[in-house]
Full PDB file with SEQRES, HELIX, SHEET, SSBOND, CRYST1, ORIGX, SCALE, CONECT and MASTER records, all heavy atoms in Angstrom:
SEQRES   1 A   30  GLY ALA ARG ALA ASP THR VAL TRP VAL PRO ILE LEU ALA          
SEQRES   2 A   30  GLY ALA GLY CYS TRP LEU ALA ILE TYR LEU LEU LEU PRO          
SEQRES   3 A   30  LYS PRO MET LEU                                              
HELIX    1 AA1 ASP A    5  LEU A   24  1                                  20    
CRYST1    1.000    1.000    1.000  90.00  90.00  90.00 P 1           1          
ORIGX1      1.000000  0.000000  0.000000        0.00000                         
ORIGX2      0.000000  1.000000  0.000000        0.00000                         
ORIGX3      0.000000  0.000000  1.000000        0.00000                         
SCALE1      1.000000  0.000000  0.000000        0.00000                         
SCALE2      0.000000  1.000000  0.000000        0.00000                         
SCALE3      0.000000  0.000000  1.000000        0.00000                         
ATOM      1  N   GLY A   1      19.126  11.705  20.054  1.00  0.00           N  
ATOM      2  CA  GLY A   1      17.670  11.749  19.934  1.00  0.00           C  
ATOM      3  C   GLY A   1      17.101  10.573  19.165  1.00  0.00           C  
ATOM      4  O   GLY A   1      15.945  10.619  18.749  1.00  0.00           O  
ATOM      5  N   ALA A   2      17.863   9.510  19.003  1.00  0.00           N  
ATOM      6  CA  ALA A   2      17.409   8.378  18.203  1.00  0.00           C  
ATOM      7  C   ALA A   2      16.199   7.686  18.786  1.00  0.00           C  
ATOM      8  O   ALA A   2      15.387   7.126  18.076  1.00  0.00           O  
ATOM      9  CB  ALA A   2      18.554   7.383  18.026  1.00  0.00           C  
ATOM     10  N   ARG A   3      16.050   7.716  20.085  1.00  0.00           N  
ATOM     11  CA  ARG A   3      14.942   7.015  20.738  1.00  0.00           C  
ATOM     12  C   ARG A   3      13.802   7.951  21.112  1.00  0.00           C  
ATOM     13  O   ARG A   3      12.829   7.526  21.699  1.00  0.00           O  
ATOM     14  CB  ARG A   3      15.446   6.304  21.979  1.00  0.00           C  
ATOM     15  CG  ARG A   3      16.413   5.207  21.651  1.00  0.00           C  
ATOM     16  CD  ARG A   3      16.842   4.481  22.852  1.00  0.00           C  
ATOM     17  NE  ARG A   3      17.904   3.542  22.474  1.00  0.00           N  
ATOM     18  CZ  ARG A   3      18.518   2.750  23.315  1.00  0.00           C  
ATOM     19  NH1 ARG A   3      18.216   2.799  24.588  1.00  0.00           N  
ATOM     20  NH2 ARG A   3      19.437   1.929  22.890  1.00  0.00           N  
ATOM     21  N   ALA A   4      13.914   9.208  20.795  1.00  0.00           N  
ATOM     22  CA  ALA A   4      12.902  10.183  21.181  1.00  0.00           C  
ATOM     23  C   ALA A   4      11.795  10.199  20.139  1.00  0.00           C  
ATOM     24  O   ALA A   4      11.887  10.866  19.121  1.00  0.00           O  
ATOM     25  CB  ALA A   4      13.534  11.560  21.350  1.00  0.00           C  
ATOM     26  N   ASP A   5      10.705   9.449  20.402  1.00  0.00           N  
ATOM     27  CA  ASP A   5       9.592   9.388  19.459  1.00  0.00           C  
ATOM     28  C   ASP A   5       8.927  10.742  19.308  1.00  0.00           C  
ATOM     29  O   ASP A   5       8.323  11.036  18.278  1.00  0.00           O  
ATOM     30  CB  ASP A   5       8.561   8.364  19.923  1.00  0.00           C  
ATOM     31  CG  ASP A   5       9.079   6.943  19.822  1.00  0.00           C  
ATOM     32  OD1 ASP A   5      10.057   6.739  19.069  1.00  0.00           O  
ATOM     33  OD2 ASP A   5       8.526   6.062  20.479  1.00  0.00           O  
ATOM     34  N   THR A   6       9.007  11.562  20.332  1.00  0.00           N  
ATOM     35  CA  THR A   6       8.348  12.865  20.251  1.00  0.00           C  
ATOM     36  C   THR A   6       9.046  13.791  19.273  1.00  0.00           C  
ATOM     37  O   THR A   6       8.507  14.825  18.920  1.00  0.00           O  
ATOM     38  CB  THR A   6       8.317  13.542  21.631  1.00  0.00           C  
ATOM     39  OG1 THR A   6       9.659  13.664  22.116  1.00  0.00           O  
ATOM     40  CG2 THR A   6       7.485  12.730  22.611  1.00  0.00           C  
ATOM     41  N   VAL A   7      10.249  13.422  18.824  1.00  0.00           N  
ATOM     42  CA  VAL A   7      10.968  14.234  17.855  1.00  0.00           C  
ATOM     43  C   VAL A   7      10.842  13.637  16.444  1.00  0.00           C  
ATOM     44  O   VAL A   7      10.494  14.332  15.492  1.00  0.00           O  
ATOM     45  CB  VAL A   7      12.461  14.349  18.244  1.00  0.00           C  
ATOM     46  CG1 VAL A   7      13.252  15.052  17.152  1.00  0.00           C  
ATOM     47  CG2 VAL A   7      12.597  15.085  19.559  1.00  0.00           C  
ATOM     48  N   TRP A   8      11.137  12.336  16.328  1.00  0.00           N  
ATOM     49  CA  TRP A   8      11.226  11.738  14.997  1.00  0.00           C  
ATOM     50  C   TRP A   8       9.872  11.521  14.326  1.00  0.00           C  
ATOM     51  O   TRP A   8       9.776  11.627  13.116  1.00  0.00           O  
ATOM     52  CB  TRP A   8      12.002  10.427  15.075  1.00  0.00           C  
ATOM     53  CG  TRP A   8      13.426  10.685  15.402  1.00  0.00           C  
ATOM     54  CD1 TRP A   8      14.060  10.418  16.570  1.00  0.00           C  
ATOM     55  CD2 TRP A   8      14.400  11.308  14.567  1.00  0.00           C  
ATOM     56  NE1 TRP A   8      15.355  10.837  16.525  1.00  0.00           N  
ATOM     57  CE2 TRP A   8      15.594  11.392  15.300  1.00  0.00           C  
ATOM     58  CE3 TRP A   8      14.367  11.825  13.284  1.00  0.00           C  
ATOM     59  CZ2 TRP A   8      16.766  11.946  14.794  1.00  0.00           C  
ATOM     60  CZ3 TRP A   8      15.529  12.387  12.768  1.00  0.00           C  
ATOM     61  CH2 TRP A   8      16.702  12.437  13.509  1.00  0.00           C  
ATOM     62  N   VAL A   9       8.841  11.184  15.088  1.00  0.00           N  
ATOM     63  CA  VAL A   9       7.536  10.960  14.464  1.00  0.00           C  
ATOM     64  C   VAL A   9       7.011  12.214  13.791  1.00  0.00           C  
ATOM     65  O   VAL A   9       6.627  12.165  12.610  1.00  0.00           O  
ATOM     66  CB  VAL A   9       6.528  10.404  15.506  1.00  0.00           C  
ATOM     67  CG1 VAL A   9       5.127  10.374  14.938  1.00  0.00           C  
ATOM     68  CG2 VAL A   9       6.962   9.010  15.953  1.00  0.00           C  
ATOM     69  N   PRO A  10       7.008  13.405  14.441  1.00  0.00           N  
ATOM     70  CA  PRO A  10       6.546  14.580  13.727  1.00  0.00           C  
ATOM     71  C   PRO A  10       7.435  14.969  12.534  1.00  0.00           C  
ATOM     72  O   PRO A  10       6.935  15.426  11.511  1.00  0.00           O  
ATOM     73  CB  PRO A  10       6.580  15.678  14.795  1.00  0.00           C  
ATOM     74  CG  PRO A  10       6.555  14.988  16.077  1.00  0.00           C  
ATOM     75  CD  PRO A  10       7.238  13.675  15.852  1.00  0.00           C  
ATOM     76  N   ILE A  11       8.745  14.788  12.671  1.00  0.00           N  
ATOM     77  CA  ILE A  11       9.653  15.140  11.569  1.00  0.00           C  
ATOM     78  C   ILE A  11       9.364  14.229  10.372  1.00  0.00           C  
ATOM     79  O   ILE A  11       9.254  14.716   9.231  1.00  0.00           O  
ATOM     80  CB  ILE A  11      11.106  15.014  11.997  1.00  0.00           C  
ATOM     81  CG1 ILE A  11      11.451  16.158  12.960  1.00  0.00           C  
ATOM     82  CG2 ILE A  11      12.054  15.016  10.796  1.00  0.00           C  
ATOM     83  CD1 ILE A  11      12.840  16.067  13.549  1.00  0.00           C  
ATOM     84  N   LEU A  12       9.250  12.927  10.586  1.00  0.00           N  
ATOM     85  CA  LEU A  12       8.983  12.009   9.479  1.00  0.00           C  
ATOM     86  C   LEU A  12       7.575  12.218   8.905  1.00  0.00           C  
ATOM     87  O   LEU A  12       7.377  12.112   7.683  1.00  0.00           O  
ATOM     88  CB  LEU A  12       9.164  10.569   9.937  1.00  0.00           C  
ATOM     89  CG  LEU A  12      10.616  10.204  10.281  1.00  0.00           C  
ATOM     90  CD1 LEU A  12      10.664   8.784  10.838  1.00  0.00           C  
ATOM     91  CD2 LEU A  12      11.499  10.353   9.071  1.00  0.00           C  
ATOM     92  N   ALA A  13       6.582  12.537   9.769  1.00  0.00           N  
ATOM     93  CA  ALA A  13       5.235  12.805   9.266  1.00  0.00           C  
ATOM     94  C   ALA A  13       5.238  14.059   8.382  1.00  0.00           C  
ATOM     95  O   ALA A  13       4.615  14.088   7.331  1.00  0.00           O  
ATOM     96  CB  ALA A  13       4.271  12.959  10.431  1.00  0.00           C  
ATOM     97  N   GLY A  14       5.941  15.092   8.831  1.00  0.00           N  
ATOM     98  CA  GLY A  14       6.007  16.308   8.026  1.00  0.00           C  
ATOM     99  C   GLY A  14       6.723  16.084   6.707  1.00  0.00           C  
ATOM    100  O   GLY A  14       6.298  16.566   5.656  1.00  0.00           O  
ATOM    101  N   ALA A  15       7.802  15.294   6.720  1.00  0.00           N  
ATOM    102  CA  ALA A  15       8.525  14.991   5.483  1.00  0.00           C  
ATOM    103  C   ALA A  15       7.656  14.172   4.545  1.00  0.00           C  
ATOM    104  O   ALA A  15       7.635  14.401   3.334  1.00  0.00           O  
ATOM    105  CB  ALA A  15       9.825  14.232   5.810  1.00  0.00           C  
ATOM    106  N   GLY A  16       6.880  13.238   5.095  1.00  0.00           N  
ATOM    107  CA  GLY A  16       5.976  12.437   4.260  1.00  0.00           C  
ATOM    108  C   GLY A  16       4.873  13.281   3.644  1.00  0.00           C  
ATOM    109  O   GLY A  16       4.533  13.130   2.469  1.00  0.00           O  
ATOM    110  N   CYS A  17       4.315  14.217   4.416  1.00  0.00           N  
ATOM    111  CA  CYS A  17       3.270  15.106   3.879  1.00  0.00           C  
ATOM    112  C   CYS A  17       3.854  15.993   2.782  1.00  0.00           C  
ATOM    113  O   CYS A  17       3.220  16.208   1.746  1.00  0.00           O  
ATOM    114  CB  CYS A  17       2.676  15.965   4.997  1.00  0.00           C  
ATOM    115  SG  CYS A  17       1.628  15.051   6.118  1.00  0.00           S  
ATOM    116  N   TRP A  18       5.039  16.525   3.016  1.00  0.00           N  
ATOM    117  CA  TRP A  18       5.668  17.387   2.001  1.00  0.00           C  
ATOM    118  C   TRP A  18       5.893  16.585   0.726  1.00  0.00           C  
ATOM    119  O   TRP A  18       5.628  17.072  -0.373  1.00  0.00           O  
ATOM    120  CB  TRP A  18       6.982  17.937   2.499  1.00  0.00           C  
ATOM    121  CG  TRP A  18       7.673  18.758   1.450  1.00  0.00           C  
ATOM    122  CD1 TRP A  18       7.497  20.093   1.193  1.00  0.00           C  
ATOM    123  CD2 TRP A  18       8.641  18.284   0.497  1.00  0.00           C  
ATOM    124  NE1 TRP A  18       8.295  20.464   0.147  1.00  0.00           N  
ATOM    125  CE2 TRP A  18       9.003  19.392  -0.311  1.00  0.00           C  
ATOM    126  CE3 TRP A  18       9.217  17.051   0.247  1.00  0.00           C  
ATOM    127  CZ2 TRP A  18       9.921  19.279  -1.333  1.00  0.00           C  
ATOM    128  CZ3 TRP A  18      10.130  16.943  -0.797  1.00  0.00           C  
ATOM    129  CH2 TRP A  18      10.470  18.058  -1.574  1.00  0.00           C  
ATOM    130  N   LEU A  19       6.379  15.364   0.843  1.00  0.00           N  
ATOM    131  CA  LEU A  19       6.657  14.539  -0.344  1.00  0.00           C  
ATOM    132  C   LEU A  19       5.357  14.231  -1.099  1.00  0.00           C  
ATOM    133  O   LEU A  19       5.332  14.301  -2.332  1.00  0.00           O  
ATOM    134  CB  LEU A  19       7.340  13.235   0.076  1.00  0.00           C  
ATOM    135  CG  LEU A  19       7.797  12.327  -1.055  1.00  0.00           C  
ATOM    136  CD1 LEU A  19       8.868  13.023  -1.903  1.00  0.00           C  
ATOM    137  CD2 LEU A  19       8.351  11.031  -0.482  1.00  0.00           C  
ATOM    138  N   ALA A  20       4.294  13.924  -0.368  1.00  0.00           N  
ATOM    139  CA  ALA A  20       3.008  13.627  -1.026  1.00  0.00           C  
ATOM    140  C   ALA A  20       2.508  14.865  -1.750  1.00  0.00           C  
ATOM    141  O   ALA A  20       2.057  14.784  -2.894  1.00  0.00           O  
ATOM    142  CB  ALA A  20       1.988  13.160   0.008  1.00  0.00           C  
ATOM    143  N   ILE A  21       2.556  16.041  -1.134  1.00  0.00           N  
ATOM    144  CA  ILE A  21       2.113  17.260  -1.763  1.00  0.00           C  
ATOM    145  C   ILE A  21       2.964  17.565  -2.979  1.00  0.00           C  
ATOM    146  O   ILE A  21       2.466  17.923  -4.040  1.00  0.00           O  
ATOM    147  CB  ILE A  21       2.136  18.427  -0.755  1.00  0.00           C  
ATOM    148  CG1 ILE A  21       0.996  18.252   0.268  1.00  0.00           C  
ATOM    149  CG2 ILE A  21       2.012  19.775  -1.457  1.00  0.00           C  
ATOM    150  CD1 ILE A  21       1.061  19.206   1.431  1.00  0.00           C  
ATOM    151  N   TYR A  22       4.268  17.386  -2.870  1.00  0.00           N  
ATOM    152  CA  TYR A  22       5.165  17.685  -3.966  1.00  0.00           C  
ATOM    153  C   TYR A  22       4.901  16.771  -5.172  1.00  0.00           C  
ATOM    154  O   TYR A  22       4.918  17.199  -6.311  1.00  0.00           O  
ATOM    155  CB  TYR A  22       6.620  17.524  -3.511  1.00  0.00           C  
ATOM    156  CG  TYR A  22       7.629  17.792  -4.584  1.00  0.00           C  
ATOM    157  CD1 TYR A  22       7.948  19.111  -4.955  1.00  0.00           C  
ATOM    158  CD2 TYR A  22       8.252  16.764  -5.278  1.00  0.00           C  
ATOM    159  CE1 TYR A  22       8.878  19.353  -5.965  1.00  0.00           C  
ATOM    160  CE2 TYR A  22       9.171  16.997  -6.272  1.00  0.00           C  
ATOM    161  CZ  TYR A  22       9.470  18.308  -6.603  1.00  0.00           C  
ATOM    162  OH  TYR A  22      10.379  18.558  -7.606  1.00  0.00           O  
ATOM    163  N   LEU A  23       4.640  15.508  -4.911  1.00  0.00           N  
ATOM    164  CA  LEU A  23       4.447  14.562  -6.003  1.00  0.00           C  
ATOM    165  C   LEU A  23       3.038  14.585  -6.579  1.00  0.00           C  
ATOM    166  O   LEU A  23       2.854  14.329  -7.782  1.00  0.00           O  
ATOM    167  CB  LEU A  23       4.756  13.143  -5.528  1.00  0.00           C  
ATOM    168  CG  LEU A  23       6.227  12.874  -5.183  1.00  0.00           C  
ATOM    169  CD1 LEU A  23       6.384  11.471  -4.604  1.00  0.00           C  
ATOM    170  CD2 LEU A  23       7.109  13.050  -6.384  1.00  0.00           C  
ATOM    171  N   LEU A  24       2.025  14.921  -5.775  1.00  0.00           N  
ATOM    172  CA  LEU A  24       0.646  14.792  -6.244  1.00  0.00           C  
ATOM    173  C   LEU A  24       0.032  16.084  -6.754  1.00  0.00           C  
ATOM    174  O   LEU A  24      -0.869  16.045  -7.604  1.00  0.00           O  
ATOM    175  CB  LEU A  24      -0.226  14.231  -5.098  1.00  0.00           C  
ATOM    176  CG  LEU A  24       0.172  12.839  -4.630  1.00  0.00           C  
ATOM    177  CD1 LEU A  24      -0.671  12.435  -3.431  1.00  0.00           C  
ATOM    178  CD2 LEU A  24       0.044  11.824  -5.740  1.00  0.00           C  
ATOM    179  N   LEU A  25       0.454  17.226  -6.265  1.00  0.00           N  
ATOM    180  CA  LEU A  25      -0.156  18.487  -6.692  1.00  0.00           C  
ATOM    181  C   LEU A  25       0.625  19.114  -7.851  1.00  0.00           C  
ATOM    182  O   LEU A  25       1.826  18.917  -7.975  1.00  0.00           O  
ATOM    183  CB  LEU A  25      -0.199  19.470  -5.519  1.00  0.00           C  
ATOM    184  CG  LEU A  25      -1.147  19.091  -4.387  1.00  0.00           C  
ATOM    185  CD1 LEU A  25      -1.092  20.157  -3.302  1.00  0.00           C  
ATOM    186  CD2 LEU A  25      -2.566  18.902  -4.861  1.00  0.00           C  
ATOM    187  N   PRO A  26      -0.069  19.869  -8.708  1.00  0.00           N  
ATOM    188  CA  PRO A  26       0.636  20.529  -9.807  1.00  0.00           C  
ATOM    189  C   PRO A  26       1.561  21.627  -9.277  1.00  0.00           C  
ATOM    190  O   PRO A  26       1.314  22.207  -8.220  1.00  0.00           O  
ATOM    191  CB  PRO A  26      -0.488  21.128 -10.653  1.00  0.00           C  
ATOM    192  CG  PRO A  26      -1.651  21.245  -9.731  1.00  0.00           C  
ATOM    193  CD  PRO A  26      -1.495  20.136  -8.735  1.00  0.00           C  
ATOM    194  N   LYS A  27       2.611  21.890 -10.025  1.00  0.00           N  
ATOM    195  CA  LYS A  27       3.596  22.879  -9.597  1.00  0.00           C  
ATOM    196  C   LYS A  27       3.027  24.284  -9.859  1.00  0.00           C  
ATOM    197  O   LYS A  27       2.480  24.542 -10.934  1.00  0.00           O  
ATOM    198  CB  LYS A  27       4.906  22.713 -10.367  1.00  0.00           C  
ATOM    199  CG  LYS A  27       5.468  21.311 -10.351  1.00  0.00           C  
ATOM    200  CD  LYS A  27       5.716  20.818  -8.963  1.00  0.00           C  
ATOM    201  CE  LYS A  27       6.264  19.422  -8.939  1.00  0.00           C  
ATOM    202  NZ  LYS A  27       5.281  18.369  -8.849  1.00  0.00           N  
ATOM    203  N   PRO A  28       3.134  25.199  -8.902  1.00  0.00           N  
ATOM    204  CA  PRO A  28       2.585  26.559  -9.065  1.00  0.00           C  
ATOM    205  C   PRO A  28       3.511  27.453  -9.905  1.00  0.00           C  
ATOM    206  O   PRO A  28       4.144  28.379  -9.381  1.00  0.00           O  
ATOM    207  CB  PRO A  28       2.461  27.039  -7.628  1.00  0.00           C  
ATOM    208  CG  PRO A  28       3.565  26.334  -6.906  1.00  0.00           C  
ATOM    209  CD  PRO A  28       3.668  24.982  -7.579  1.00  0.00           C  
ATOM    210  N   MET A  29       3.597  27.185 -11.186  1.00  0.00           N  
ATOM    211  CA  MET A  29       4.535  27.925 -12.041  1.00  0.00           C  
ATOM    212  C   MET A  29       4.169  29.402 -12.148  1.00  0.00           C  
ATOM    213  O   MET A  29       5.057  30.250 -12.205  1.00  0.00           O  
ATOM    214  CB  MET A  29       4.594  27.298 -13.435  1.00  0.00           C  
ATOM    215  CG  MET A  29       5.299  25.955 -13.446  1.00  0.00           C  
ATOM    216  SD  MET A  29       6.955  25.989 -12.752  1.00  0.00           S  
ATOM    217  CE  MET A  29       7.791  27.024 -13.888  1.00  0.00           C  
ATOM    218  N   LEU A  30       2.872  29.749 -12.200  1.00  0.00           N  
ATOM    219  CA  LEU A  30       2.487  31.141 -12.310  1.00  0.00           C  
ATOM    220  C   LEU A  30       3.004  31.950 -11.118  1.00  0.00           C  
ATOM    221  O   LEU A  30       3.567  33.041 -11.277  1.00  0.00           O  
ATOM    222  CB  LEU A  30       0.973  31.261 -12.423  1.00  0.00           C  
ATOM    223  CG  LEU A  30       0.433  32.684 -12.626  1.00  0.00           C  
ATOM    224  CD1 LEU A  30       0.888  33.230 -13.953  1.00  0.00           C  
ATOM    225  CD2 LEU A  30      -1.077  32.691 -12.529  1.00  0.00           C  
TER     226      LEU A  30                                                      
MASTER        0    0    0    1    0    0    0    6  225    1    0    3          
END                                                                             
């Protein structure tokens, strides 16, 4: 699946969004 843009683009976009949320938002400790 290395050349399948329909797979890797959404996976990398989701990973980037998760990383941004994890780093920028406060942790929900409560």
